[in-house]
N, C-alpha and C. Protein backbone atom coordinates (compact mmCIF):
# COMPACT_ATOMS: atom_id res chain seq x y z
N UNK A 1 47.48 31.04 34.32
CA UNK A 1 48.32 31.06 33.14
C UNK A 1 47.40 31.18 31.92
N UNK A 2 47.74 32.11 31.07
CA UNK A 2 46.93 32.29 29.85
C UNK A 2 47.29 31.22 28.82
N UNK A 3 46.48 31.13 27.79
CA UNK A 3 46.74 30.17 26.71
C UNK A 3 48.07 30.50 26.02
N UNK A 4 48.36 31.79 25.85
CA UNK A 4 49.62 32.19 25.22
C UNK A 4 50.81 31.80 26.09
N UNK A 5 50.72 32.03 27.38
CA UNK A 5 51.79 31.65 28.30
C UNK A 5 52.00 30.14 28.28
N UNK A 6 50.91 29.40 28.25
CA UNK A 6 51.00 27.94 28.21
C UNK A 6 51.72 27.48 26.94
N UNK A 7 51.38 28.08 25.80
CA UNK A 7 52.03 27.72 24.53
C UNK A 7 53.53 28.02 24.59
N UNK A 8 53.88 29.20 25.11
CA UNK A 8 55.30 29.55 25.23
C UNK A 8 56.02 28.56 26.15
N UNK A 9 55.40 28.21 27.24
CA UNK A 9 55.98 27.27 28.19
C UNK A 9 56.20 25.91 27.54
N UNK A 10 55.19 25.45 26.81
CA UNK A 10 55.26 24.16 26.13
C UNK A 10 56.40 24.13 25.11
N UNK A 11 56.51 25.18 24.33
CA UNK A 11 57.57 25.25 23.32
C UNK A 11 58.95 25.33 23.97
N UNK A 12 59.05 26.09 25.04
CA UNK A 12 60.32 26.20 25.77
C UNK A 12 60.73 24.83 26.32
N UNK A 13 59.80 24.16 26.99
CA UNK A 13 60.11 22.86 27.59
C UNK A 13 60.50 21.84 26.53
N UNK A 14 59.85 21.86 25.39
CA UNK A 14 60.19 20.93 24.31
C UNK A 14 61.60 21.20 23.78
N UNK A 15 61.93 22.46 23.57
CA UNK A 15 63.26 22.81 23.06
C UNK A 15 64.35 22.43 24.05
N UNK A 16 64.12 22.68 25.32
CA UNK A 16 65.12 22.35 26.34
C UNK A 16 65.25 20.83 26.48
N UNK A 17 64.16 20.11 26.32
CA UNK A 17 64.21 18.64 26.39
C UNK A 17 65.09 18.08 25.27
N UNK A 18 64.97 18.65 24.08
CA UNK A 18 65.82 18.21 22.96
C UNK A 18 67.28 18.52 23.28
N UNK A 19 67.55 19.70 23.77
CA UNK A 19 68.93 20.08 24.11
C UNK A 19 69.48 19.17 25.22
N UNK A 20 68.65 18.86 26.21
CA UNK A 20 69.08 17.98 27.31
C UNK A 20 69.41 16.58 26.78
N UNK A 21 68.62 16.10 25.85
CA UNK A 21 68.87 14.79 25.24
C UNK A 21 70.20 14.81 24.48
N UNK A 22 70.44 15.90 23.76
CA UNK A 22 71.70 16.04 23.03
C UNK A 22 72.88 16.08 23.99
N UNK A 23 72.70 16.73 25.12
CA UNK A 23 73.76 16.80 26.14
C UNK A 23 74.06 15.40 26.68
N UNK A 24 73.03 14.65 27.00
CA UNK A 24 73.21 13.30 27.54
C UNK A 24 73.89 12.37 26.54
N UNK A 25 73.64 12.59 25.25
CA UNK A 25 74.24 11.76 24.20
C UNK A 25 75.64 12.23 23.82
N UNK A 26 76.07 13.36 24.37
CA UNK A 26 77.40 13.87 24.08
C UNK A 26 77.49 14.67 22.80
N UNK A 27 76.35 14.99 22.20
CA UNK A 27 76.35 15.77 20.96
C UNK A 27 76.78 17.21 21.26
N UNK A 28 76.33 17.73 22.39
CA UNK A 28 76.74 19.07 22.83
C UNK A 28 77.31 18.95 24.25
N UNK A 29 78.08 19.95 24.65
CA UNK A 29 78.62 19.93 26.01
C UNK A 29 77.78 20.83 26.92
N UNK A 30 78.14 20.87 28.19
CA UNK A 30 77.38 21.64 29.18
C UNK A 30 77.28 23.11 28.80
N UNK A 31 78.38 23.66 28.31
CA UNK A 31 78.41 25.06 27.90
C UNK A 31 77.40 25.33 26.78
N UNK A 32 77.36 24.44 25.79
CA UNK A 32 76.41 24.58 24.69
C UNK A 32 74.97 24.49 25.22
N UNK A 33 74.73 23.53 26.11
CA UNK A 33 73.39 23.37 26.67
C UNK A 33 72.95 24.65 27.38
N UNK A 34 73.83 25.23 28.17
CA UNK A 34 73.48 26.44 28.90
C UNK A 34 73.19 27.60 27.95
N UNK A 35 73.93 27.68 26.85
CA UNK A 35 73.67 28.73 25.85
C UNK A 35 72.30 28.52 25.19
N UNK A 36 72.01 27.27 24.83
CA UNK A 36 70.71 26.96 24.21
C UNK A 36 69.58 27.30 25.19
N UNK A 37 69.74 26.88 26.44
CA UNK A 37 68.71 27.12 27.44
C UNK A 37 68.47 28.62 27.63
N UNK A 38 69.54 29.39 27.67
CA UNK A 38 69.41 30.84 27.81
C UNK A 38 68.69 31.45 26.62
N UNK A 39 69.07 31.04 25.41
CA UNK A 39 68.43 31.57 24.20
C UNK A 39 66.94 31.22 24.17
N UNK A 40 66.60 30.01 24.59
CA UNK A 40 65.20 29.60 24.59
C UNK A 40 64.41 30.38 25.65
N UNK A 41 65.04 30.66 26.78
CA UNK A 41 64.39 31.48 27.81
C UNK A 41 64.10 32.88 27.26
N UNK A 42 65.06 33.45 26.53
CA UNK A 42 64.87 34.77 25.93
C UNK A 42 63.77 34.74 24.87
N UNK A 43 63.77 33.69 24.07
CA UNK A 43 62.82 33.60 22.96
C UNK A 43 61.39 33.36 23.44
N UNK A 44 61.22 32.41 24.36
CA UNK A 44 59.87 31.99 24.75
C UNK A 44 59.35 32.65 26.04
N UNK A 45 60.24 33.25 26.83
CA UNK A 45 59.85 33.90 28.09
C UNK A 45 58.90 33.01 28.90
N UNK A 46 59.35 31.80 29.28
CA UNK A 46 58.48 30.88 29.99
C UNK A 46 58.13 31.39 31.38
N UNK A 47 56.95 31.03 31.85
CA UNK A 47 56.51 31.43 33.19
C UNK A 47 57.20 30.56 34.22
N UNK A 48 57.21 29.25 34.00
CA UNK A 48 57.76 28.31 34.97
C UNK A 48 59.14 27.80 34.59
N UNK A 49 59.51 27.90 33.35
CA UNK A 49 60.73 27.30 32.82
C UNK A 49 61.96 27.43 33.66
N UNK A 50 62.27 28.61 34.11
CA UNK A 50 63.47 28.83 34.90
C UNK A 50 63.43 28.14 36.25
N UNK A 51 62.24 27.91 36.78
CA UNK A 51 62.11 27.28 38.08
C UNK A 51 62.20 25.76 38.02
N UNK A 52 61.91 25.19 36.86
CA UNK A 52 61.84 23.74 36.74
C UNK A 52 63.17 23.09 36.43
N UNK A 53 64.18 23.86 36.12
CA UNK A 53 65.49 23.29 35.81
C UNK A 53 66.08 22.84 37.08
């Protein structure tokens, strides 16, 4: 994994962690979480991200 890929992965995981926390607190629903996760996957193009969910 290159340094750039690692940075993208790190940013993706952080964004999804925030969204997951919001989901658990009831701030967003499952549908919203899935939309956020998809947008973050498109934005950051994580290497491992899709496999770790």
